[in-house]
Amino acid sequence: MEVRRVQPYRALKTYLCPGCNQDIQPRAMHLVVVPLDTPDLRRHWHEACWQHRDRRRPGRLR
């Protein structure tokens, strides 16, 4: 896995965090996680959600 930090000035869109199912708003620092063998499955995560992904259960689905 490749994990990249997205700085606020580069975050221009809203993404859905798979850890909490909440929006990541534009201009919010977050992480992009890219599986090396399937880069099309990249996901945008809140940093705290990524750090605690093994202890958290997903939030409510929309």
PDB file of N, CA and C in Angstrom:
ATOM      1  N   MET A   1       0.841  -1.185   0.000  1.00  0.00           N
ATOM      2  CA  MET A   1       0.000   0.000   0.000  1.00  0.00           C
ATOM      3  C   MET A   1       0.879   1.239   0.000  1.00  0.00           C
ATOM      4  N   GLU A   2       0.453   2.168  -0.777  1.00  0.00           N
ATOM      5  CA  GLU A   2       1.090   3.484  -0.772  1.00  0.00           C
ATOM      6  C   GLU A   2       0.124   4.439  -0.087  1.00  0.00           C
ATOM      7  N   VAL A   3       0.627   5.172   0.899  1.00  0.00           N
ATOM      8  CA  VAL A   3      -0.193   6.139   1.631  1.00  0.00           C
ATOM      9  C   VAL A   3       0.411   7.519   1.398  1.00  0.00           C
ATOM     10  N   ARG A   4      -0.400   8.420   0.852  1.00  0.00           N
ATOM     11  CA  ARG A   4       0.072   9.785   0.560  1.00  0.00           C
ATOM     12  C   ARG A   4      -0.780  10.789   1.320  1.00  0.00           C
ATOM     13  N   ARG A   5      -0.144  11.810   1.825  1.00  0.00           N
ATOM     14  CA  ARG A   5      -0.845  12.890   2.520  1.00  0.00           C
ATOM     15  C   ARG A   5      -1.263  13.929   1.487  1.00  0.00           C
ATOM     16  N   VAL A   6      -2.518  14.347   1.544  1.00  0.00           N
ATOM     17  CA  VAL A   6      -3.038  15.386   0.653  1.00  0.00           C
ATOM     18  C   VAL A   6      -3.115  16.679   1.463  1.00  0.00           C
ATOM     19  N   GLN A   7      -2.363  17.670   1.058  1.00  0.00           N
ATOM     20  CA  GLN A   7      -2.343  18.951   1.752  1.00  0.00           C
ATOM     21  C   GLN A   7      -3.631  19.722   1.438  1.00  0.00           C
ATOM     22  N   PRO A   8      -4.062  20.570   2.358  1.00  0.00           N
ATOM     23  CA  PRO A   8      -5.337  21.287   2.170  1.00  0.00           C
ATOM     24  C   PRO A   8      -5.430  22.077   0.870  1.00  0.00           C
ATOM     25  N   TYR A   9      -4.358  22.693   0.430  1.00  0.00           N
ATOM     26  CA  TYR A   9      -4.426  23.483  -0.801  1.00  0.00           C
ATOM     27  C   TYR A   9      -4.595  22.611  -2.041  1.00  0.00           C
ATOM     28  N   ARG A  10      -4.369  21.303  -1.917  1.00  0.00           N
ATOM     29  CA  ARG A  10      -4.530  20.394  -3.051  1.00  0.00           C
ATOM     30  C   ARG A  10      -5.845  19.616  -2.991  1.00  0.00           C
ATOM     31  N   ALA A  11      -6.548  19.718  -1.874  1.00  0.00           N
ATOM     32  CA  ALA A  11      -7.814  18.985  -1.700  1.00  0.00           C
ATOM     33  C   ALA A  11      -8.951  19.860  -2.219  1.00  0.00           C
ATOM     34  N   LEU A  12      -9.401  19.583  -3.426  1.00  0.00           N
ATOM     35  CA  LEU A  12     -10.371  20.448  -4.086  1.00  0.00           C
ATOM     36  C   LEU A  12     -11.771  19.851  -4.198  1.00  0.00           C
ATOM     37  N   LYS A  13     -11.913  18.569  -3.880  1.00  0.00           N
ATOM     38  CA  LYS A  13     -13.208  17.902  -4.022  1.00  0.00           C
ATOM     39  C   LYS A  13     -13.644  17.304  -2.693  1.00  0.00           C
ATOM     40  N   THR A  14     -14.903  16.903  -2.630  1.00  0.00           N
ATOM     41  CA  THR A  14     -15.428  16.181  -1.476  1.00  0.00           C
ATOM     42  C   THR A  14     -15.273  14.689  -1.745  1.00  0.00           C
ATOM     43  N   TYR A  15     -14.781  13.955  -0.746  1.00  0.00           N
ATOM     44  CA  TYR A  15     -14.620  12.506  -0.843  1.00  0.00           C
ATOM     45  C   TYR A  15     -15.352  11.855   0.319  1.00  0.00           C
ATOM     46  N   LEU A  16     -15.668  10.587   0.194  1.00  0.00           N
ATOM     47  CA  LEU A  16     -16.297   9.832   1.264  1.00  0.00           C
ATOM     48  C   LEU A  16     -15.248   8.940   1.912  1.00  0.00           C
ATOM     49  N   CYS A  17     -15.038   9.109   3.205  1.00  0.00           N
ATOM     50  CA  CYS A  17     -14.064   8.304   3.941  1.00  0.00           C
ATOM     51  C   CYS A  17     -14.652   6.923   4.197  1.00  0.00           C
ATOM     52  N   PRO A  18     -13.959   5.847   3.796  1.00  0.00           N
ATOM     53  CA  PRO A  18     -14.490   4.505   4.030  1.00  0.00           C
ATOM     54  C   PRO A  18     -14.405   4.075   5.489  1.00  0.00           C
ATOM     55  N   GLY A  19     -13.648   4.795   6.310  1.00  0.00           N
ATOM     56  CA  GLY A  19     -13.530   4.433   7.719  1.00  0.00           C
ATOM     57  C   GLY A  19     -14.721   4.854   8.542  1.00  0.00           C
ATOM     58  N   CYS A  20     -15.303   6.003   8.210  1.00  0.00           N
ATOM     59  CA  CYS A  20     -16.418   6.529   9.006  1.00  0.00           C
ATOM     60  C   CYS A  20     -17.646   6.856   8.158  1.00  0.00           C
ATOM     61  N   ASN A  21     -17.522   6.717   6.858  1.00  0.00           N
ATOM     62  CA  ASN A  21     -18.606   7.045   5.917  1.00  0.00           C
ATOM     63  C   ASN A  21     -19.073   8.486   6.047  1.00  0.00           C
ATOM     64  N   GLN A  22     -18.166   9.371   6.371  1.00  0.00           N
ATOM     65  CA  GLN A  22     -18.456  10.799   6.449  1.00  0.00           C
ATOM     66  C   GLN A  22     -17.681  11.503   5.335  1.00  0.00           C
ATOM     67  N   ASP A  23     -18.164  12.666   4.949  1.00  0.00           N
ATOM     68  CA  ASP A  23     -17.485  13.433   3.909  1.00  0.00           C
ATOM     69  C   ASP A  23     -16.142  13.972   4.392  1.00  0.00           C
ATOM     70  N   ILE A  24     -15.207  13.994   3.482  1.00  0.00           N
ATOM     71  CA  ILE A  24     -13.960  14.736   3.655  1.00  0.00           C
ATOM     72  C   ILE A  24     -14.159  15.994   2.823  1.00  0.00           C
ATOM     73  N   GLN A  25     -14.264  17.108   3.468  1.00  0.00           N
ATOM     74  CA  GLN A  25     -14.585  18.364   2.794  1.00  0.00           C
ATOM     75  C   GLN A  25     -13.388  18.899   2.008  1.00  0.00           C
ATOM     76  N   PRO A  26     -13.649  19.691   0.968  1.00  0.00           N
ATOM     77  CA  PRO A  26     -12.554  20.363   0.266  1.00  0.00           C
ATOM     78  C   PRO A  26     -11.746  21.203   1.258  1.00  0.00           C
ATOM     79  N   ARG A  27     -10.480  21.289   1.000  1.00  0.00           N
ATOM     80  CA  ARG A  27      -9.519  22.041   1.826  1.00  0.00           C
ATOM     81  C   ARG A  27      -9.193  21.353   3.146  1.00  0.00           C
ATOM     82  N   ALA A  28      -9.585  20.099   3.314  1.00  0.00           N
ATOM     83  CA  ALA A  28      -9.241  19.352   4.524  1.00  0.00           C
ATOM     84  C   ALA A  28      -8.066  18.427   4.220  1.00  0.00           C
ATOM     85  N   MET A  29      -7.055  18.451   5.090  1.00  0.00           N
ATOM     86  CA  MET A  29      -5.952  17.525   4.910  1.00  0.00           C
ATOM     87  C   MET A  29      -6.472  16.111   5.137  1.00  0.00           C
ATOM     88  N   HIS A  30      -6.055  15.170   4.295  1.00  0.00           N
ATOM     89  CA  HIS A  30      -6.458  13.784   4.432  1.00  0.00           C
ATOM     90  C   HIS A  30      -5.418  12.895   3.761  1.00  0.00           C
ATOM     91  N   LEU A  31      -5.680  11.605   3.730  1.00  0.00           N
ATOM     92  CA  LEU A  31      -4.758  10.646   3.131  1.00  0.00           C
ATOM     93  C   LEU A  31      -5.392   9.992   1.915  1.00  0.00           C
ATOM     94  N   VAL A  32      -4.542   9.660   0.953  1.00  0.00           N
ATOM     95  CA  VAL A  32      -4.955   8.825  -0.177  1.00  0.00           C
ATOM     96  C   VAL A  32      -4.209   7.507  -0.014  1.00  0.00           C
ATOM     97  N   VAL A  33      -4.950   6.417   0.006  1.00  0.00           N
ATOM     98  CA  VAL A  33      -4.376   5.087   0.169  1.00  0.00           C
ATOM     99  C   VAL A  33      -4.563   4.344  -1.145  1.00  0.00           C
ATOM    100  N   VAL A  34      -3.442   3.894  -1.708  1.00  0.00           N
ATOM    101  CA  VAL A  34      -3.463   3.251  -3.023  1.00  0.00           C
ATOM    102  C   VAL A  34      -2.881   1.847  -2.904  1.00  0.00           C
ATOM    103  N   PRO A  35      -3.697   0.811  -3.143  1.00  0.00           N
ATOM    104  CA  PRO A  35      -3.131  -0.548  -3.183  1.00  0.00           C
ATOM    105  C   PRO A  35      -2.180  -0.656  -4.377  1.00  0.00           C
ATOM    106  N   LEU A  36      -0.999  -1.196  -4.155  1.00  0.00           N
ATOM    107  CA  LEU A  36       0.005  -1.250  -5.222  1.00  0.00           C
ATOM    108  C   LEU A  36      -0.426  -2.139  -6.382  1.00  0.00           C
ATOM    109  N   ASP A  37      -1.150  -3.215  -6.099  1.00  0.00           N
ATOM    110  CA  ASP A  37      -1.536  -4.136  -7.174  1.00  0.00           C
ATOM    111  C   ASP A  37      -2.835  -3.729  -7.876  1.00  0.00           C
ATOM    112  N   THR A  38      -3.624  -2.843  -7.255  1.00  0.00           N
ATOM    113  CA  THR A  38      -4.886  -2.385  -7.866  1.00  0.00           C
ATOM    114  C   THR A  38      -5.056  -0.882  -7.618  1.00  0.00           C
ATOM    115  N   PRO A  39      -4.303  -0.068  -8.326  1.00  0.00           N
ATOM    116  CA  PRO A  39      -4.352   1.373  -8.071  1.00  0.00           C
ATOM    117  C   PRO A  39      -5.714   2.011  -8.342  1.00  0.00           C
ATOM    118  N   ASP A  40      -6.578   1.337  -9.093  1.00  0.00           N
ATOM    119  CA  ASP A  40      -7.918   1.882  -9.331  1.00  0.00           C
ATOM    120  C   ASP A  40      -8.781   1.863  -8.070  1.00  0.00           C
ATOM    121  N   LEU A  41      -8.353   1.141  -7.051  1.00  0.00           N
ATOM    122  CA  LEU A  41      -9.110   1.044  -5.804  1.00  0.00           C
ATOM    123  C   LEU A  41      -8.608   2.028  -4.748  1.00  0.00           C
ATOM    124  N   ARG A  42      -7.994   3.102  -5.190  1.00  0.00           N
ATOM    125  CA  ARG A  42      -7.515   4.087  -4.212  1.00  0.00           C
ATOM    126  C   ARG A  42      -8.690   4.694  -3.467  1.00  0.00           C
ATOM    127  N   ARG A  43      -8.447   5.036  -2.208  1.00  0.00           N
ATOM    128  CA  ARG A  43      -9.481   5.610  -1.358  1.00  0.00           C
ATOM    129  C   ARG A  43      -8.915   6.781  -0.578  1.00  0.00           C
ATOM    130  N   HIS A  44      -9.783   7.734  -0.287  1.00  0.00           N
ATOM    131  CA  HIS A  44      -9.418   8.915   0.495  1.00  0.00           C
ATOM    132  C   HIS A  44      -9.918   8.705   1.923  1.00  0.00           C
ATOM    133  N   TRP A  45      -9.038   8.890   2.900  1.00  0.00           N
ATOM    134  CA  TRP A  45      -9.350   8.633   4.304  1.00  0.00           C
ATOM    135  C   TRP A  45      -9.040   9.859   5.150  1.00  0.00           C
ATOM    136  N   HIS A  46      -9.849  10.067   6.211  1.00  0.00           N
ATOM    137  CA  HIS A  46      -9.414  10.977   7.274  1.00  0.00           C
ATOM    138  C   HIS A  46      -8.178  10.330   7.910  1.00  0.00           C
ATOM    139  N   GLU A  47      -7.236  11.124   8.326  1.00  0.00           N
ATOM    140  CA  GLU A  47      -6.020  10.551   8.904  1.00  0.00           C
ATOM    141  C   GLU A  47      -6.333   9.723  10.150  1.00  0.00           C
ATOM    142  N   ALA A  48      -7.192  10.216  11.026  1.00  0.00           N
ATOM    143  CA  ALA A  48      -7.535   9.475  12.248  1.00  0.00           C
ATOM    144  C   ALA A  48      -8.236   8.156  11.919  1.00  0.00           C
ATOM    145  N   CYS A  49      -9.106   8.158  10.925  1.00  0.00           N
ATOM    146  CA  CYS A  49      -9.788   6.922  10.527  1.00  0.00           C
ATOM    147  C   CYS A  49      -8.779   5.892  10.029  1.00  0.00           C
ATOM    148  N   TRP A  50      -7.804   6.331   9.258  1.00  0.00           N
ATOM    149  CA  TRP A  50      -6.782   5.417   8.752  1.00  0.00           C
ATOM    150  C   TRP A  50      -5.947   4.863   9.899  1.00  0.00           C
ATOM    151  N   GLN A  51      -5.561   5.711  10.833  1.00  0.00           N
ATOM    152  CA  GLN A  51      -4.733   5.269  11.961  1.00  0.00           C
ATOM    153  C   GLN A  51      -5.470   4.266  12.841  1.00  0.00           C
ATOM    154  N   HIS A  52      -6.783   4.374  12.938  1.00  0.00           N
ATOM    155  CA  HIS A  52      -7.566   3.512  13.821  1.00  0.00           C
ATOM    156  C   HIS A  52      -8.444   2.536  13.046  1.00  0.00           C
ATOM    157  N   ARG A  53      -8.110   2.262  11.805  1.00  0.00           N
ATOM    158  CA  ARG A  53      -8.964   1.432  10.954  1.00  0.00           C
ATOM    159  C   ARG A  53      -9.142   0.019  11.502  1.00  0.00           C
ATOM    160  N   ASP A  54      -8.186  -0.491  12.255  1.00  0.00           N
ATOM    161  CA  ASP A  54      -8.319  -1.846  12.794  1.00  0.00           C
ATOM    162  C   ASP A  54      -9.217  -1.888  14.033  1.00  0.00           C
ATOM    163  N   ARG A  55      -9.519  -0.728  14.624  1.00  0.00           N
ATOM    164  CA  ARG A  55     -10.349  -0.667  15.832  1.00  0.00           C
ATOM    165  C   ARG A  55     -11.728  -0.075  15.586  1.00  0.00           C
ATOM    166  N   ARG A  56     -11.947   0.482  14.410  1.00  0.00           N
ATOM    167  CA  ARG A  56     -13.215   1.165  14.136  1.00  0.00           C
ATOM    168  C   ARG A  56     -14.109   0.301  13.281  1.00  0.00           C
ATOM    169  N   ARG A  57     -15.376   0.428  13.498  1.00  0.00           N
ATOM    170  CA  ARG A  57     -16.305  -0.172  12.555  1.00  0.00           C
ATOM    171  C   ARG A  57     -16.857   0.967  11.711  1.00  0.00           C
ATOM    172  N   PRO A  58     -17.215   0.695  10.495  1.00  0.00           N
ATOM    173  CA  PRO A  58     -17.707   1.763   9.618  1.00  0.00           C
ATOM    174  C   PRO A  58     -18.956   2.427  10.188  1.00  0.00           C
ATOM    175  N   GLY A  59     -19.113   3.693   9.872  1.00  0.00           N
ATOM    176  CA  GLY A  59     -20.311   4.432  10.276  1.00  0.00           C
ATOM    177  C   GLY A  59     -21.500   4.015   9.443  1.00  0.00           C
ATOM    178  N   ARG A  60     -22.589   4.684   9.677  1.00  0.00           N
ATOM    179  CA  ARG A  60     -23.811   4.403   8.931  1.00  0.00           C
ATOM    180  C   ARG A  60     -23.628   4.673   7.454  1.00  0.00           C
ATOM    181  N   LEU A  61     -24.143   3.819   6.631  1.00  0.00           N
ATOM    182  CA  LEU A  61     -24.105   4.065   5.193  1.00  0.00           C
ATOM    183  C   LEU A  61     -25.188   5.045   4.826  1.00  0.00           C
ATOM    184  N   ARG A  62     -24.939   5.822   3.807  1.00  0.00           N
ATOM    185  CA  ARG A  62     -25.944   6.786   3.347  1.00  0.00           C
ATOM    186  C   ARG A  62     -26.929   6.147   2.430  1.00  0.00           C
TER     187      ARG A  62
END
